[in-house]
Amino acid sequence: MRLINANSGTAAIQIDDTGFYQVTFGVMSSATNNTPWSLEINGVQISQYQTNNRAAGQMDAITVIIQITTSGSSIAFVNNTGANRNIVDSGGTGVTPCAFLTIVKVGGL
């Protein structure tokens, strides 16, 4: 049984089982100004789970433990500025990660 599903055509990941999840996310932006990126659960930004790119080509990441209490909840990692931001690898070679999101179930309710 699959408990974590990618929703085709959106940035959201669907969590089909309640419990505790370790979520790690990071991004490397081309923007030279601070760009807040945050975790959203069911479309609601969780402000304490936010990172800012401090310089172009710098990877910022955060790891949190969250509790999912409703089956079918969605998780997304989003740019909060509303402005277009490109994500880029530091070497410009296209082989290093530009952004990532990992979700691991660590316990049930």
N, C-alpha and C. Protein backbone atom coordinates (compact mmCIF):
# COMPACT_ATOMS: atom_id res chain seq x y z
N MET A 1 0.83 -1.17 0.00
CA MET A 1 0.00 0.00 0.00
C MET A 1 0.89 1.25 0.00
N ARG A 2 0.61 2.16 -0.92
CA ARG A 2 1.35 3.40 -1.02
C ARG A 2 0.73 4.44 -0.09
N LEU A 3 1.53 5.07 0.78
CA LEU A 3 1.02 6.03 1.73
C LEU A 3 1.34 7.47 1.37
N ILE A 4 2.32 7.67 0.48
CA ILE A 4 2.72 9.01 0.05
C ILE A 4 2.65 9.02 -1.47
N ASN A 5 1.87 9.96 -2.03
CA ASN A 5 1.64 10.00 -3.47
C ASN A 5 1.90 11.40 -4.02
N ALA A 6 2.53 11.48 -5.18
CA ALA A 6 2.70 12.76 -5.88
C ALA A 6 1.44 13.04 -6.67
N ASN A 7 0.93 14.26 -6.56
CA ASN A 7 -0.25 14.66 -7.31
C ASN A 7 0.19 15.20 -8.66
N SER A 8 -0.19 14.54 -9.73
CA SER A 8 0.20 14.95 -11.07
C SER A 8 -0.28 16.36 -11.38
N GLY A 9 0.63 17.19 -11.89
CA GLY A 9 0.27 18.55 -12.30
C GLY A 9 0.28 19.57 -11.18
N THR A 10 0.62 19.18 -9.95
CA THR A 10 0.72 20.14 -8.86
C THR A 10 2.03 19.91 -8.13
N ALA A 11 2.32 20.82 -7.22
CA ALA A 11 3.53 20.67 -6.40
C ALA A 11 3.24 19.92 -5.11
N ALA A 12 2.01 19.53 -4.90
CA ALA A 12 1.61 18.91 -3.63
C ALA A 12 1.88 17.42 -3.61
N ILE A 13 2.24 16.94 -2.45
CA ILE A 13 2.39 15.51 -2.17
C ILE A 13 1.25 15.13 -1.24
N GLN A 14 0.55 14.06 -1.56
CA GLN A 14 -0.59 13.64 -0.74
C GLN A 14 -0.15 12.57 0.25
N ILE A 15 -0.52 12.76 1.52
CA ILE A 15 -0.21 11.81 2.58
C ILE A 15 -1.50 11.06 2.91
N ASP A 16 -1.52 9.77 2.65
CA ASP A 16 -2.74 8.98 2.79
C ASP A 16 -2.88 8.27 4.13
N ASP A 17 -1.95 8.52 5.05
CA ASP A 17 -2.01 7.87 6.35
C ASP A 17 -1.65 8.88 7.42
N THR A 18 -2.37 8.86 8.53
CA THR A 18 -2.06 9.75 9.64
C THR A 18 -0.81 9.27 10.37
N GLY A 19 -0.18 10.18 11.08
CA GLY A 19 1.00 9.82 11.84
C GLY A 19 2.01 10.96 11.85
N PHE A 20 3.21 10.62 12.29
CA PHE A 20 4.30 11.58 12.36
C PHE A 20 5.24 11.37 11.18
N TYR A 21 5.65 12.47 10.56
CA TYR A 21 6.50 12.43 9.37
C TYR A 21 7.69 13.36 9.54
N GLN A 22 8.85 12.87 9.12
CA GLN A 22 10.03 13.73 9.02
C GLN A 22 10.04 14.31 7.62
N VAL A 23 10.05 15.62 7.53
CA VAL A 23 10.04 16.32 6.24
C VAL A 23 11.32 17.15 6.15
N THR A 24 12.09 16.92 5.10
CA THR A 24 13.30 17.70 4.85
C THR A 24 13.15 18.35 3.49
N PHE A 25 13.39 19.66 3.41
CA PHE A 25 13.29 20.35 2.13
C PHE A 25 14.39 21.39 2.02
N GLY A 26 14.78 21.65 0.78
CA GLY A 26 15.81 22.64 0.52
C GLY A 26 15.74 23.14 -0.90
N VAL A 27 16.37 24.29 -1.13
CA VAL A 27 16.35 24.90 -2.46
C VAL A 27 17.61 25.72 -2.66
N MET A 28 18.04 25.78 -3.90
CA MET A 28 19.14 26.64 -4.32
C MET A 28 18.56 27.57 -5.39
N SER A 29 18.48 28.85 -5.07
CA SER A 29 17.81 29.80 -5.96
C SER A 29 18.82 30.65 -6.72
N SER A 30 18.37 31.17 -7.86
CA SER A 30 19.21 32.09 -8.63
C SER A 30 19.07 33.51 -8.12
N ALA A 31 18.13 33.76 -7.24
CA ALA A 31 17.90 35.11 -6.73
C ALA A 31 19.01 35.51 -5.76
N THR A 32 19.45 36.76 -5.82
CA THR A 32 20.49 37.23 -4.91
C THR A 32 19.90 37.83 -3.64
N ASN A 33 18.59 38.01 -3.60
CA ASN A 33 17.95 38.53 -2.40
C ASN A 33 17.33 37.37 -1.63
N ASN A 34 16.92 37.66 -0.40
CA ASN A 34 16.28 36.62 0.39
C ASN A 34 14.96 36.20 -0.24
N THR A 35 14.79 34.93 -0.44
CA THR A 35 13.56 34.38 -0.99
C THR A 35 13.03 33.37 0.01
N PRO A 36 11.92 33.68 0.67
CA PRO A 36 11.40 32.71 1.63
C PRO A 36 10.73 31.52 0.94
N TRP A 37 11.10 30.34 1.36
CA TRP A 37 10.50 29.09 0.90
C TRP A 37 9.95 28.41 2.14
N SER A 38 8.74 27.90 2.08
CA SER A 38 8.18 27.31 3.29
C SER A 38 7.39 26.05 2.98
N LEU A 39 7.11 25.34 4.05
CA LEU A 39 6.28 24.15 4.00
C LEU A 39 4.82 24.57 4.10
N GLU A 40 3.99 23.99 3.26
CA GLU A 40 2.54 24.19 3.36
C GLU A 40 1.89 22.84 3.61
N ILE A 41 0.95 22.83 4.54
CA ILE A 41 0.16 21.65 4.81
C ILE A 41 -1.29 21.99 4.51
N ASN A 42 -1.89 21.24 3.58
CA ASN A 42 -3.27 21.50 3.13
C ASN A 42 -3.46 22.94 2.67
N GLY A 43 -2.44 23.49 1.99
CA GLY A 43 -2.53 24.83 1.43
C GLY A 43 -2.27 25.95 2.41
N VAL A 44 -1.95 25.64 3.66
CA VAL A 44 -1.70 26.66 4.68
C VAL A 44 -0.20 26.71 4.97
N GLN A 45 0.37 27.90 4.80
CA GLN A 45 1.80 28.08 5.04
C GLN A 45 2.08 27.94 6.53
N ILE A 46 3.11 27.17 6.86
CA ILE A 46 3.54 27.00 8.24
C ILE A 46 4.78 27.88 8.42
N SER A 47 4.60 29.08 8.97
CA SER A 47 5.66 30.09 8.98
C SER A 47 6.90 29.67 9.76
N GLN A 48 6.74 28.85 10.78
CA GLN A 48 7.94 28.43 11.51
C GLN A 48 8.77 27.42 10.73
N TYR A 49 8.23 26.89 9.65
CA TYR A 49 8.96 25.95 8.80
C TYR A 49 9.34 26.67 7.51
N GLN A 50 10.21 27.67 7.62
CA GLN A 50 10.57 28.51 6.48
C GLN A 50 12.07 28.69 6.44
N THR A 51 12.60 28.74 5.22
CA THR A 51 14.02 29.01 5.03
C THR A 51 14.16 30.15 4.03
N ASN A 52 15.26 30.87 4.08
CA ASN A 52 15.52 31.97 3.16
C ASN A 52 16.85 31.73 2.46
N ASN A 53 16.87 31.87 1.14
CA ASN A 53 18.14 31.85 0.41
C ASN A 53 18.85 33.16 0.68
N ARG A 54 20.06 33.08 1.15
CA ARG A 54 20.79 34.29 1.48
C ARG A 54 21.66 34.80 0.33
N ALA A 55 21.97 33.93 -0.60
CA ALA A 55 22.78 34.34 -1.76
C ALA A 55 22.49 33.40 -2.91
N ALA A 56 22.70 33.89 -4.11
CA ALA A 56 22.48 33.04 -5.29
C ALA A 56 23.40 31.83 -5.21
N GLY A 57 22.86 30.67 -5.52
CA GLY A 57 23.64 29.46 -5.54
C GLY A 57 23.91 28.84 -4.19
N GLN A 58 23.26 29.31 -3.15
CA GLN A 58 23.44 28.76 -1.81
C GLN A 58 22.28 27.85 -1.46
N MET A 59 22.56 26.61 -1.05
CA MET A 59 21.52 25.66 -0.67
C MET A 59 21.09 25.93 0.77
N ASP A 60 19.82 26.17 0.97
CA ASP A 60 19.25 26.28 2.30
C ASP A 60 18.30 25.12 2.50
N ALA A 61 18.35 24.50 3.68
CA ALA A 61 17.50 23.35 3.94
C ALA A 61 17.04 23.35 5.39
N ILE A 62 15.95 22.65 5.63
CA ILE A 62 15.41 22.52 6.97
C ILE A 62 14.78 21.13 7.11
N THR A 63 14.85 20.58 8.32
CA THR A 63 14.20 19.30 8.63
C THR A 63 13.26 19.51 9.80
N VAL A 64 12.04 19.00 9.68
CA VAL A 64 11.04 19.13 10.74
C VAL A 64 10.32 17.80 10.92
N ILE A 65 9.72 17.63 12.08
CA ILE A 65 8.81 16.52 12.33
C ILE A 65 7.42 17.12 12.43
N ILE A 66 6.49 16.61 11.61
CA ILE A 66 5.12 17.11 11.63
C ILE A 66 4.16 15.97 11.94
N GLN A 67 2.99 16.33 12.44
CA GLN A 67 1.95 15.34 12.69
C GLN A 67 0.84 15.55 11.68
N ILE A 68 0.51 14.51 10.94
CA ILE A 68 -0.61 14.53 10.00
C ILE A 68 -1.78 13.83 10.71
N THR A 69 -2.86 14.57 10.91
CA THR A 69 -4.01 14.02 11.65
C THR A 69 -5.18 13.68 10.74
N THR A 70 -5.10 14.07 9.45
CA THR A 70 -6.18 13.81 8.50
C THR A 70 -5.63 13.06 7.30
N SER A 71 -6.18 11.89 7.03
CA SER A 71 -5.79 11.12 5.85
C SER A 71 -6.10 11.92 4.59
N GLY A 72 -5.17 11.89 3.62
CA GLY A 72 -5.36 12.64 2.38
C GLY A 72 -4.84 14.07 2.45
N SER A 73 -4.11 14.41 3.51
CA SER A 73 -3.54 15.75 3.63
C SER A 73 -2.48 15.97 2.57
N SER A 74 -2.26 17.23 2.21
CA SER A 74 -1.24 17.54 1.21
C SER A 74 -0.10 18.33 1.84
N ILE A 75 1.10 18.08 1.32
CA ILE A 75 2.31 18.79 1.74
C ILE A 75 2.93 19.38 0.48
N ALA A 76 3.36 20.63 0.57
CA ALA A 76 4.04 21.28 -0.55
C ALA A 76 5.15 22.16 0.00
N PHE A 77 6.15 22.39 -0.81
CA PHE A 77 7.28 23.26 -0.51
C PHE A 77 7.19 24.40 -1.52
N VAL A 78 6.95 25.64 -1.07
CA VAL A 78 6.61 26.73 -1.99
C VAL A 78 7.45 27.99 -1.77
N ASN A 79 7.56 28.76 -2.83
CA ASN A 79 8.16 30.09 -2.82
C ASN A 79 7.07 31.06 -2.37
N ASN A 80 7.30 31.78 -1.28
CA ASN A 80 6.28 32.66 -0.71
C ASN A 80 6.22 34.05 -1.32
N THR A 81 7.17 34.42 -2.17
CA THR A 81 7.25 35.81 -2.61
C THR A 81 6.22 36.18 -3.66
N GLY A 82 5.74 35.20 -4.41
CA GLY A 82 4.87 35.51 -5.54
C GLY A 82 5.67 35.89 -6.78
N ALA A 83 6.97 36.14 -6.62
CA ALA A 83 7.84 36.49 -7.74
C ALA A 83 8.42 35.21 -8.34
N ASN A 84 8.69 35.24 -9.63
CA ASN A 84 9.33 34.09 -10.27
C ASN A 84 10.75 33.95 -9.74
N ARG A 85 11.11 32.74 -9.40
CA ARG A 85 12.47 32.43 -8.97
C ARG A 85 12.92 31.18 -9.70
N ASN A 86 14.12 31.23 -10.26
CA ASN A 86 14.70 30.05 -10.88
C ASN A 86 15.47 29.29 -9.83
N ILE A 87 15.41 27.97 -9.91
CA ILE A 87 16.26 27.16 -9.04
C ILE A 87 17.41 26.64 -9.89
N VAL A 88 18.63 26.74 -9.33
CA VAL A 88 19.83 26.44 -10.10
C VAL A 88 20.80 25.62 -9.27
N ASP A 89 21.65 24.85 -9.94
CA ASP A 89 22.70 24.16 -9.21
C ASP A 89 23.91 25.07 -9.09
N SER A 90 24.69 24.86 -8.05
CA SER A 90 25.80 25.77 -7.74
C SER A 90 26.90 25.75 -8.79
N GLY A 91 27.10 24.62 -9.43
CA GLY A 91 28.17 24.53 -10.41
C GLY A 91 27.74 24.87 -11.82
N GLY A 92 26.43 25.03 -12.03
CA GLY A 92 25.95 25.32 -13.37
C GLY A 92 26.06 24.15 -14.32
N THR A 93 26.30 22.98 -13.77
CA THR A 93 26.52 21.80 -14.62
C THR A 93 25.26 20.98 -14.83
N GLY A 94 24.23 21.26 -14.05
CA GLY A 94 22.99 20.50 -14.16
C GLY A 94 23.04 19.15 -13.46
N VAL A 95 24.07 18.91 -12.65
CA VAL A 95 24.19 17.60 -12.01
C VAL A 95 24.02 17.64 -10.49
N THR A 96 24.02 18.81 -9.88
CA THR A 96 23.81 18.89 -8.44
C THR A 96 22.36 19.21 -8.15
N PRO A 97 21.85 18.85 -6.96
CA PRO A 97 20.44 19.11 -6.66
C PRO A 97 20.14 20.61 -6.64
N CYS A 98 19.00 20.98 -7.19
CA CYS A 98 18.54 22.37 -7.17
C CYS A 98 17.49 22.57 -6.09
N ALA A 99 16.69 21.57 -5.87
CA ALA A 99 15.67 21.59 -4.82
C ALA A 99 15.33 20.15 -4.48
N PHE A 100 14.92 19.94 -3.24
CA PHE A 100 14.54 18.59 -2.86
C PHE A 100 13.49 18.63 -1.76
N LEU A 101 12.73 17.58 -1.66
CA LEU A 101 11.73 17.39 -0.63
C LEU A 101 11.70 15.90 -0.33
N THR A 102 11.97 15.53 0.91
CA THR A 102 11.87 14.13 1.30
C THR A 102 10.88 14.02 2.46
N ILE A 103 10.09 12.96 2.43
CA ILE A 103 9.08 12.72 3.45
C ILE A 103 9.21 11.27 3.90
N VAL A 104 9.38 11.08 5.20
CA VAL A 104 9.54 9.73 5.76
C VAL A 104 8.59 9.60 6.95
N LYS A 105 7.76 8.56 6.93
CA LYS A 105 6.89 8.31 8.08
C LYS A 105 7.74 7.74 9.21
N VAL A 106 7.66 8.37 10.40
CA VAL A 106 8.47 7.92 11.52
C VAL A 106 7.64 7.33 12.65
N GLY A 107 6.31 7.44 12.58
CA GLY A 107 5.49 6.86 13.63
C GLY A 107 4.02 7.04 13.37
N GLY A 108 3.21 6.19 13.97
CA GLY A 108 1.76 6.26 13.81
C GLY A 108 1.11 7.02 14.95
N LEU A 109 -0.18 7.22 14.82
CA LEU A 109 -0.93 7.89 15.90
C LEU A 109 -1.45 6.88 16.87
